[in-house]
C-alpha atoms as a PDB file:
ATOM      1  CA  MET A   1      53.607 132.271  41.302  1.00  0.00           C
ATOM      2  CA  THR A   2      57.378 131.411  41.104  1.00  0.00           C
ATOM      3  CA  GLN A   3      58.322 130.242  38.022  1.00  0.00           C
ATOM      4  CA  GLN A   4      60.999 127.666  39.325  1.00  0.00           C
ATOM      5  CA  HIS A   5      61.097 124.581  37.501  1.00  0.00           C
ATOM      6  CA  VAL A   6      62.429 121.137  38.999  1.00  0.00           C
ATOM      7  CA  SER A   7      62.277 118.371  36.092  1.00  0.00           C
ATOM      8  CA  LEU A   8      62.015 115.899  38.632  1.00  0.00           C
ATOM      9  CA  MET A   9      58.307 117.332  39.599  1.00  0.00           C
ATOM     10  CA  LEU A  10      57.800 117.859  35.922  1.00  0.00           C
ATOM     11  CA  ALA A  11      58.011 113.941  35.259  1.00  0.00           C
ATOM     12  CA  ALA A  12      56.095 112.579  37.985  1.00  0.00           C
ATOM     13  CA  SER A  13      53.511 114.991  36.967  1.00  0.00           C
ATOM     14  CA  LEU A  14      53.062 114.213  33.762  1.00  0.00           C
ATOM     15  CA  SER A  15      53.168 110.225  34.949  1.00  0.00           C
ATOM     16  CA  LEU A  16      55.338 109.036  32.395  1.00  0.00           C
ATOM     17  CA  ALA A  17      54.008 105.103  31.856  1.00  0.00           C
ATOM     18  CA  LEU A  18      55.704 102.022  30.046  1.00  0.00           C
ATOM     19  CA  ALA A  19      53.959  99.468  27.581  1.00  0.00           C
ATOM     20  CA  THR A  20      55.133  96.915  29.791  1.00  0.00           C
ATOM     21  CA  SER A  21      55.806  96.150  33.593  1.00  0.00           C
ATOM     22  CA  ALA A  22      59.526  94.119  32.923  1.00  0.00           C
ATOM     23  CA  SER A  23      61.668  92.818  36.212  1.00  0.00           C
ATOM     24  CA  ALA A  24      63.970  95.967  36.383  1.00  0.00           C
ATOM     25  CA  GLN A  25      66.040  93.164  38.142  1.00  0.00           C
ATOM     26  CA  GLU A  26      67.178  91.531  35.305  1.00  0.00           C
ATOM     27  CA  ARG A  27      67.617  93.816  32.403  1.00  0.00           C
ATOM     28  CA  THR A  28      70.112  93.507  29.582  1.00  0.00           C
ATOM     29  CA  PRO A  29      70.336  96.344  26.860  1.00  0.00           C
ATOM     30  CA  PRO A  30      69.396  94.949  23.647  1.00  0.00           C
ATOM     31  CA  ALA A  31      72.292  97.776  22.038  1.00  0.00           C
ATOM     32  CA  PRO A  32      74.424 100.090  23.634  1.00  0.00           C
ATOM     33  CA  HIS A  33      73.126 102.643  22.654  1.00  0.00           C
ATOM     34  CA  CYS A  34      69.565 102.127  24.089  1.00  0.00           C
ATOM     35  CA  MET A  35      67.899 103.618  27.010  1.00  0.00           C
ATOM     36  CA  ASP A  36      65.943 101.779  29.869  1.00  0.00           C
ATOM     37  CA  ALA A  37      62.637 103.585  30.190  1.00  0.00           C
ATOM     38  CA  VAL A  38      62.021 102.582  33.903  1.00  0.00           C
ATOM     39  CA  GLY A  39      62.044 105.066  36.011  1.00  0.00           C
ATOM     40  CA  VAL A  40      62.535 108.081  33.633  1.00  0.00           C
ATOM     41  CA  GLN A  41      63.673 110.657  36.021  1.00  0.00           C
ATOM     42  CA  GLU A  42      63.590 114.280  33.891  1.00  0.00           C
ATOM     43  CA  VAL A  43      61.723 115.597  30.460  1.00  0.00           C
ATOM     44  CA  GLU A  44      63.023 118.347  28.502  1.00  0.00           C
ATOM     45  CA  GLN A  45      62.540 119.781  25.109  1.00  0.00           C
ATOM     46  CA  ALA A  46      64.123 122.359  23.520  1.00  0.00           C
ATOM     47  CA  SER A  47      62.967 121.921  19.969  1.00  0.00           C
ATOM     48  CA  PRO A  48      59.807 120.369  18.710  1.00  0.00           C
ATOM     49  CA  ARG A  49      61.618 117.280  16.735  1.00  0.00           C
ATOM     50  CA  SER A  50      63.438 115.895  19.534  1.00  0.00           C
ATOM     51  CA  ILE A  51      63.539 115.447  23.776  1.00  0.00           C
ATOM     52  CA  ALA A  52      65.661 115.051  26.674  1.00  0.00           C
ATOM     53  CA  LEU A  53      65.641 112.441  28.912  1.00  0.00           C
ATOM     54  CA  ARG A  54      67.626 111.343  31.810  1.00  0.00           C
ATOM     55  CA  ALA A  55      67.464 107.619  33.029  1.00  0.00           C
ATOM     56  CA  ALA A  56      67.133 106.167  36.356  1.00  0.00           C
ATOM     57  CA  SER A  57      70.769 105.557  35.942  1.00  0.00           C
ATOM     58  CA  GLY A  58      71.249 109.171  35.552  1.00  0.00           C
ATOM     59  CA  GLN A  59      72.447 108.671  32.045  1.00  0.00           C
ATOM     60  CA  ALA A  60      70.960 111.355  29.217  1.00  0.00           C
ATOM     61  CA  TYR A  61      69.651 110.341  26.083  1.00  0.00           C
ATOM     62  CA  ARG A  62      68.466 112.318  23.005  1.00  0.00           C
ATOM     63  CA  ILE A  63      64.909 110.990  21.481  1.00  0.00           C
ATOM     64  CA  ASP A  64      64.146 112.397  17.824  1.00  0.00           C
ATOM     65  CA  PHE A  65      60.785 112.571  16.598  1.00  0.00           C
ATOM     66  CA  ALA A  66      60.275 111.436  13.048  1.00  0.00           C
ATOM     67  CA  GLU A  67      58.074 113.999  12.849  1.00  0.00           C
ATOM     68  CA  ASP A  68      57.612 117.654  14.926  1.00  0.00           C
ATOM     69  CA  CYS A  69      55.978 116.578  18.365  1.00  0.00           C
ATOM     70  CA  PRO A  70      55.761 119.415  19.897  1.00  0.00           C
ATOM     71  CA  GLY A  71      53.926 120.232  23.831  1.00  0.00           C
ATOM     72  CA  ILE A  72      55.418 117.749  25.724  1.00  0.00           C
ATOM     73  CA  ARG A  73      56.833 119.876  28.408  1.00  0.00           C
ATOM     74  CA  ALA A  74      53.043 121.255  28.704  1.00  0.00           C
ATOM     75  CA  ALA A  75      51.603 117.751  28.637  1.00  0.00           C
ATOM     76  CA  THR A  76      48.977 115.956  30.977  1.00  0.00           C
ATOM     77  CA  THR A  77      49.774 112.469  30.132  1.00  0.00           C
ATOM     78  CA  LEU A  78      52.894 111.243  28.627  1.00  0.00           C
ATOM     79  CA  LYS A  79      53.722 107.905  27.625  1.00  0.00           C
ATOM     80  CA  LEU A  80      56.793 105.757  26.288  1.00  0.00           C
ATOM     81  CA  GLU A  81      55.436 103.295  24.454  1.00  0.00           C
ATOM     82  CA  ALA A  82      58.604 101.001  23.879  1.00  0.00           C
ATOM     83  CA  PRO A  83      59.096  96.906  23.442  1.00  0.00           C
ATOM     84  CA  ALA A  84      60.531  95.713  26.688  1.00  0.00           C
ATOM     85  CA  GLY A  85      61.244  98.818  28.420  1.00  0.00           C
ATOM     86  CA  TRP A  86      63.842  99.650  25.835  1.00  0.00           C
ATOM     87  CA  ALA A  87      64.414 102.791  24.042  1.00  0.00           C
ATOM     88  CA  CYS A  88      66.535 102.421  20.991  1.00  0.00           C
ATOM     89  CA  GLY A  89      64.548 103.596  18.327  1.00  0.00           C
ATOM     90  CA  ARG A  90      63.377 100.820  16.228  1.00  0.00           C
ATOM     91  CA  PRO A  91      60.293 101.181  14.307  1.00  0.00           C
ATOM     92  CA  SER A  92      57.618 100.103  16.860  1.00  0.00           C
ATOM     93  CA  GLU A  93      58.234 102.892  19.390  1.00  0.00           C
ATOM     94  CA  ARG A  94      56.558 105.516  19.971  1.00  0.00           C
ATOM     95  CA  VAL A  95      56.000 108.841  22.651  1.00  0.00           C
ATOM     96  CA  VAL A  96      52.312 109.443  23.078  1.00  0.00           C
ATOM     97  CA  VAL A  97      51.266 112.585  24.078  1.00  0.00           C
ATOM     98  CA  ASP A  98      47.632 113.821  25.536  1.00  0.00           C
ATOM     99  CA  GLY A  99      46.751 110.512  23.222  1.00  0.00           C
ATOM    100  CA  ARG A 100      48.860 112.109  20.260  1.00  0.00           C
ATOM    101  CA  SER A 101      51.330 109.364  18.856  1.00  0.00           C
ATOM    102  CA  CYS A 102      55.010 110.806  18.295  1.00  0.00           C
ATOM    103  CA  ALA A 103      56.980 108.343  16.033  1.00  0.00           C
ATOM    104  CA  VAL A 104      60.778 107.640  17.428  1.00  0.00           C
ATOM    105  CA  SER A 105      63.547 107.865  14.872  1.00  0.00           C
ATOM    106  CA  ALA A 106      66.728 107.641  17.060  1.00  0.00           C
ATOM    107  CA  VAL A 107      67.741 107.504  20.651  1.00  0.00           C
ATOM    108  CA  THR A 108      71.361 108.408  21.292  1.00  0.00           C
ATOM    109  CA  PRO A 109      73.417 108.967  24.427  1.00  0.00           C
ATOM    110  CA  VAL A 110      74.284 112.460  25.298  1.00  0.00           C
ATOM    111  CA  GLN A 111      76.450 114.095  27.961  1.00  0.00           C
ATOM    112  CA  ALA A 112      76.270 116.066  30.369  1.00  0.00           C
ATOM    113  CA  ARG A 113      76.843 119.121  29.414  1.00  0.00           C
ATOM    114  CA  ASP A 114      74.671 118.264  26.073  1.00  0.00           C
ATOM    115  CA  TYR A 115      71.612 117.278  28.163  1.00  0.00           C
ATOM    116  CA  ALA A 116      71.906 120.478  30.256  1.00  0.00           C
ATOM    117  CA  SER A 117      72.264 122.641  27.330  1.00  0.00           C
ATOM    118  CA  VAL A 118      68.606 121.213  26.561  1.00  0.00           C
ATOM    119  CA  ALA A 119      67.469 121.416  29.760  1.00  0.00           C
ATOM    120  CA  ARG A 120      68.278 125.165  30.030  1.00  0.00           C
ATOM    121  CA  ASP A 121      66.808 126.344  26.551  1.00  0.00           C
ATOM    122  CA  SER A 122      63.829 123.842  27.100  1.00  0.00           C
ATOM    123  CA  ASP A 123      62.949 126.165  30.699  1.00  0.00           C
ATOM    124  CA  ARG A 124      63.591 129.600  28.787  1.00  0.00           C
ATOM    125  CA  LEU A 125      61.003 128.536  26.108  1.00  0.00           C
ATOM    126  CA  HIS A 126      58.554 127.618  29.065  1.00  0.00           C
ATOM    127  CA  THR A 127      59.021 130.427  31.263  1.00  0.00           C
ATOM    128  CA  ALA A 128      58.457 132.406  28.474  1.00  0.00           C
ATOM    129  CA  THR A 129      55.450 131.140  27.216  1.00  0.00           C
ATOM    130  CA  LEU A 130      53.793 131.453  30.410  1.00  0.00           C
ATOM    131  CA  PRO A 131      51.065 133.531  30.429  1.00  0.00           C
ATOM    132  CA  ALA A 132      50.882 136.914  31.619  1.00  0.00           C
ATOM    133  CA  MET A 133      49.686 137.488  35.889  1.00  0.00           C
ATOM    134  CA  THR A 134      48.770 139.837  38.156  1.00  0.00           C
ATOM    135  CA  ILE A 135      51.046 138.826  41.450  1.00  0.00           C
ATOM    136  CA  ARG A 136      50.262 140.658  44.620  1.00  0.00           C
ATOM    137  CA  GLN A 137      52.648 142.410  46.252  1.00  0.00           C
ATOM    138  CA  ARG A 138      52.967 139.930  48.811  1.00  0.00           C
ATOM    139  CA  LYS A 139      56.412 139.289  50.733  1.00  0.00           C
ATOM    140  CA  ASP A 140      56.524 135.437  50.553  1.00  0.00           C
ATOM    141  CA  VAL A 141      55.930 135.526  47.243  1.00  0.00           C
ATOM    142  CA  ARG A 142      58.898 134.416  45.360  1.00  0.00           C
ATOM    143  CA  ARG A 143      59.471 135.689  41.615  1.00  0.00           C
ATOM    144  CA  GLY A 144      62.459 135.528  38.984  1.00  0.00           C
ATOM    145  CA  PHE A 145      63.321 133.166  37.033  1.00  0.00           C
ATOM    146  CA  GLY A 146      64.587 129.654  38.784  1.00  0.00           C
ATOM    147  CA  GLY A 147      66.889 126.643  37.364  1.00  0.00           C
ATOM    148  CA  SER A 148      66.786 122.936  37.246  1.00  0.00           C
ATOM    149  CA  ALA A 149      69.566 121.167  39.132  1.00  0.00           C
ATOM    150  CA  SER A 150      70.827 119.711  35.602  1.00  0.00           C
ATOM    151  CA  TYR A 151      72.052 123.220  34.730  1.00  0.00           C
ATOM    152  CA  CYS A 152      72.348 124.994  37.478  1.00  0.00           C
ATOM    153  CA  PHE A 153      73.948 124.989  41.172  1.00  0.00           C
ATOM    154  CA  ALA A 154      73.162 127.118  44.191  1.00  0.00           C
ATOM    155  CA  THR A 155      76.104 129.614  45.313  1.00  0.00           C
ATOM    156  CA  ARG A 156      75.614 129.411  49.133  1.00  0.00           C
ATOM    157  CA  ASN A 157      76.013 125.852  48.836  1.00  0.00           C
ATOM    158  CA  VAL A 158      79.532 125.893  47.492  1.00  0.00           C
ATOM    159  CA  ARG A 159      81.889 123.995  49.356  1.00  0.00           C
ATOM    160  CA  ALA A 160      85.560 123.905  47.422  1.00  0.00           C
ATOM    161  CA  TRP A 161      86.861 125.456  43.619  1.00  0.00           C
ATOM    162  CA  SER A 162      89.469 124.687  41.586  1.00  0.00           C
ATOM    163  CA  SER A 163      90.521 125.612  38.742  1.00  0.00           C
ATOM    164  CA  ASP A 164      91.606 123.749  35.599  1.00  0.00           C
ATOM    165  CA  PRO A 165      92.575 124.322  31.645  1.00  0.00           C
ATOM    166  CA  GLN A 166      89.186 123.011  30.866  1.00  0.00           C
ATOM    167  CA  GLY A 167      87.516 125.817  33.207  1.00  0.00           C
ATOM    168  CA  MET A 168      86.358 125.457  36.877  1.00  0.00           C
ATOM    169  CA  LEU A 169      85.340 122.669  39.341  1.00  0.00           C
ATOM    170  CA  VAL A 170      82.855 123.126  41.429  1.00  0.00           C
ATOM    171  CA  GLU A 171      81.977 121.017  44.962  1.00  0.00           C
ATOM    172  CA  THR A 172      78.276 121.019  46.023  1.00  0.00           C
ATOM    173  CA  ASN A 173      76.471 119.859  48.342  1.00  0.00           C
ATOM    174  CA  PRO A 174      74.883 117.517  46.586  1.00  0.00           C
ATOM    175  CA  HIS A 175      71.758 116.960  48.980  1.00  0.00           C
ATOM    176  CA  ARG A 176      70.898 120.235  48.110  1.00  0.00           C
ATOM    177  CA  ASN A 177      71.589 120.383  44.526  1.00  0.00           C
ATOM    178  CA  GLY A 178      69.697 117.462  42.911  1.00  0.00           C
ATOM    179  CA  GLY A 179      72.126 115.042  44.038  1.00  0.00           C
ATOM    180  CA  HIS A 180      75.076 116.451  42.544  1.00  0.00           C
ATOM    181  CA  ARG A 181      77.753 117.049  44.032  1.00  0.00           C
ATOM    182  CA  TYR A 182      80.328 118.540  40.958  1.00  0.00           C
ATOM    183  CA  TYR A 183      79.643 120.692  39.059  1.00  0.00           C
ATOM    184  CA  ARG A 184      81.542 121.876  35.686  1.00  0.00           C
ATOM    185  CA  ILE A 185      81.722 125.607  34.871  1.00  0.00           C
ATOM    186  CA  GLU A 186      82.827 126.862  31.062  1.00  0.00           C
ATOM    187  CA  LEU A 187      84.358 130.388  30.925  1.00  0.00           C
ATOM    188  CA  GLY A 188      83.807 132.737  27.697  1.00  0.00           C
ATOM    189  CA  SER A 189      88.040 132.634  27.516  1.00  0.00           C
ATOM    190  CA  HIS A 190      91.169 131.257  29.456  1.00  0.00           C
ATOM    191  CA  CYS A 191      90.908 133.157  32.767  1.00  0.00           C
ATOM    192  CA  ARG A 192      94.274 134.258  34.540  1.00  0.00           C
ATOM    193  CA  GLN A 193      92.632 135.481  37.358  1.00  0.00           C
ATOM    194  CA  LEU A 194      91.617 131.794  38.368  1.00  0.00           C
ATOM    195  CA  ASP A 195      94.839 130.881  38.515  1.00  0.00           C
ATOM    196  CA  ARG A 196      96.215 133.126  41.692  1.00  0.00           C
ATOM    197  CA  ALA A 197      93.646 134.421  43.213  1.00  0.00           C
ATOM    198  CA  PRO A 198      93.450 134.496  46.726  1.00  0.00           C
ATOM    199  CA  GLN A 199      89.267 135.541  46.839  1.00  0.00           C
ATOM    200  CA  LEU A 200      87.090 134.724  44.077  1.00  0.00           C
ATOM    201  CA  SER A 201      82.982 134.934  44.594  1.00  0.00           C
ATOM    202  CA  PHE A 202      80.174 133.762  42.167  1.00  0.00           C
ATOM    203  CA  ARG A 203      77.194 137.046  40.474  1.00  0.00           C
ATOM    204  CA  SER A 204      74.342 135.348  39.376  1.00  0.00           C
ATOM    205  CA  GLY A 205      73.025 136.876  36.561  1.00  0.00           C
ATOM    206  CA  MET A 206      69.403 136.613  37.327  1.00  0.00           C
ATOM    207  CA  GLN A 207      70.394 137.671  40.944  1.00  0.00           C
ATOM    208  CA  ASN A 208      68.793 134.642  42.042  1.00  0.00           C
ATOM    209  CA  GLY A 209      71.680 133.152  44.407  1.00  0.00           C
ATOM    210  CA  LEU A 210      71.861 130.164  40.504  1.00  0.00           C
ATOM    211  CA  ILE A 211      74.586 129.953  38.367  1.00  0.00           C
ATOM    212  CA  CYS A 212      73.406 128.892  35.250  1.00  0.00           C
ATOM    213  CA  GLY A 213      75.526 129.556  32.767  1.00  0.00           C
ATOM    214  CA  ASN A 214      72.840 132.825  32.268  1.00  0.00           C
ATOM    215  CA  PRO A 215      73.442 136.008  30.569  1.00  0.00           C
ATOM    216  CA  GLY A 216      75.165 137.767  33.590  1.00  0.00           C
ATOM    217  CA  ASP A 217      76.574 134.966  35.477  1.00  0.00           C
ATOM    218  CA  ARG A 218      80.027 135.552  36.323  1.00  0.00           C
ATOM    219  CA  ILE A 219      83.221 134.932  38.289  1.00  0.00           C
ATOM    220  CA  LEU A 220      84.789 137.974  40.701  1.00  0.00           C
ATOM    221  CA  THR A 221      88.043 137.751  41.539  1.00  0.00           C
ATOM    222  CA  ALA A 222      89.617 139.933  44.348  1.00  0.00           C
ATOM    223  CA  GLY A 223      93.631 140.720  44.265  1.00  0.00           C
ATOM    224  CA  PHE A 224      95.727 141.297  47.153  1.00  0.00           C
ATOM    225  CA  GLU A 225      95.109 144.996  48.967  1.00  0.00           C
ATOM    226  CA  ASN A 226      98.345 147.107  48.632  1.00  0.00           C
ATOM    227  CA  GLY A 227     101.567 146.414  50.368  1.00  0.00           C
ATOM    228  CA  ASP A 228     100.408 143.005  50.771  1.00  0.00           C
ATOM    229  CA  LEU A 229     103.488 140.582  49.377  1.00  0.00           C
ATOM    230  CA  ARG A 230     102.487 137.555  51.471  1.00  0.00           C
ATOM    231  CA  ASN A 231     105.920 137.052  52.162  1.00  0.00           C
ATOM    232  CA  ASP A 232     109.456 137.654  50.460  1.00  0.00           C
ATOM    233  CA  GLU A 233     109.964 135.310  48.355  1.00  0.00           C
ATOM    234  CA  VAL A 234     106.766 136.156  46.041  1.00  0.00           C
ATOM    235  CA  ALA A 235     106.462 138.492  43.875  1.00  0.00           C
ATOM    236  CA  PRO A 236     103.823 141.537  43.849  1.00  0.00           C
ATOM    237  CA  LEU A 237     100.014 139.865  42.052  1.00  0.00           C
ATOM    238  CA  PRO A 238      99.956 140.891  38.546  1.00  0.00           C
ATOM    239  CA  GLN A 239      97.566 143.378  37.939  1.00  0.00           C
ATOM    240  CA  TYR A 240      95.313 140.720  35.751  1.00  0.00           C
ATOM    241  CA  THR A 241      94.452 139.211  39.299  1.00  0.00           C
ATOM    242  CA  ARG A 242      91.927 141.822  39.677  1.00  0.00           C
ATOM    243  CA  GLY A 243      88.575 141.284  37.309  1.00  0.00           C
ATOM    244  CA  SER A 244      85.757 138.940  36.584  1.00  0.00           C
ATOM    245  CA  CYS A 245      85.155 135.876  34.179  1.00  0.00           C
ATOM    246  CA  THR A 246      82.348 135.079  31.944  1.00  0.00           C
ATOM    247  CA  ILE A 247      80.447 132.042  32.453  1.00  0.00           C
ATOM    248  CA  GLN A 248      78.683 130.372  29.750  1.00  0.00           C
ATOM    249  CA  ALA A 249      77.741 126.904  30.525  1.00  0.00           C
ATOM    250  CA  VAL A 250      77.325 124.656  33.662  1.00  0.00           C
ATOM    251  CA  TYR A 251      76.230 120.554  34.353  1.00  0.00           C
ATOM    252  CA  PRO A 252      77.257 118.492  36.773  1.00  0.00           C
ATOM    253  CA  ALA A 253      80.176 116.255  36.578  1.00  0.00           C
ATOM    254  CA  SER A 254      80.508 112.609  38.245  1.00  0.00           C
ATOM    255  CA  SER A 255      84.022 113.497  39.755  1.00  0.00           C
ATOM    256  CA  GLN A 256      86.739 115.468  40.769  1.00  0.00           C
ATOM    257  CA  ALA A 257      88.298 113.630  37.289  1.00  0.00           C
ATOM    258  CA  SER A 258      85.370 114.076  35.441  1.00  0.00           C
ATOM    259  CA  ASN A 259      85.808 115.899  31.745  1.00  0.00           C
END
């Protein structure tokens, strides 16, 4: 059995429901921080006191509970009850998990980086608690840790990259990465090698072709071969163009101008 997890499939299997059938065509939030619960795309949980959700608009939110509400990732039925389908953190709102009611205490919009962190931790916790299994040695069985497009991109789908003071921005094939065209990569420290590296590659710490900010995920840079100065006007590249850069975090960016 593969342990690869796709959050969208999870949310669909949980049959996320609403307490109302309000029309989505004329929906105005009662407050700017409120989440439109119609068409929630993803649900993640890394702490028993909160969950992270991605709305149909793409905006991510954190829902805090008044008390611990564990087991949402393993639930068979999940229902968000909120007036008119707007979750704002009001006393009347609750999440019902397999018939168990969890009162909502707060709803907060979060950045893509924060959502990616929760999704990554949620997947790791879920993977760590899977029961022990015996897997037959078959060539068609894929094994190993996977990851969601909320915090991973596949190296084979990289189209372009650029470095900046924040790290790196990578362009991917959106049809192969959950609809995300750009990903922000945060590095362990300023990676000077990227400024003049003529060639680079991504190395997955899990050796599965995915870059997620997992331990061992790195950017490998290659310098010019000895004697190649490109032209007489360019000085030889300094020694620091050879090496690697540690990847700490990966998350979707809305465009090339995203922060």
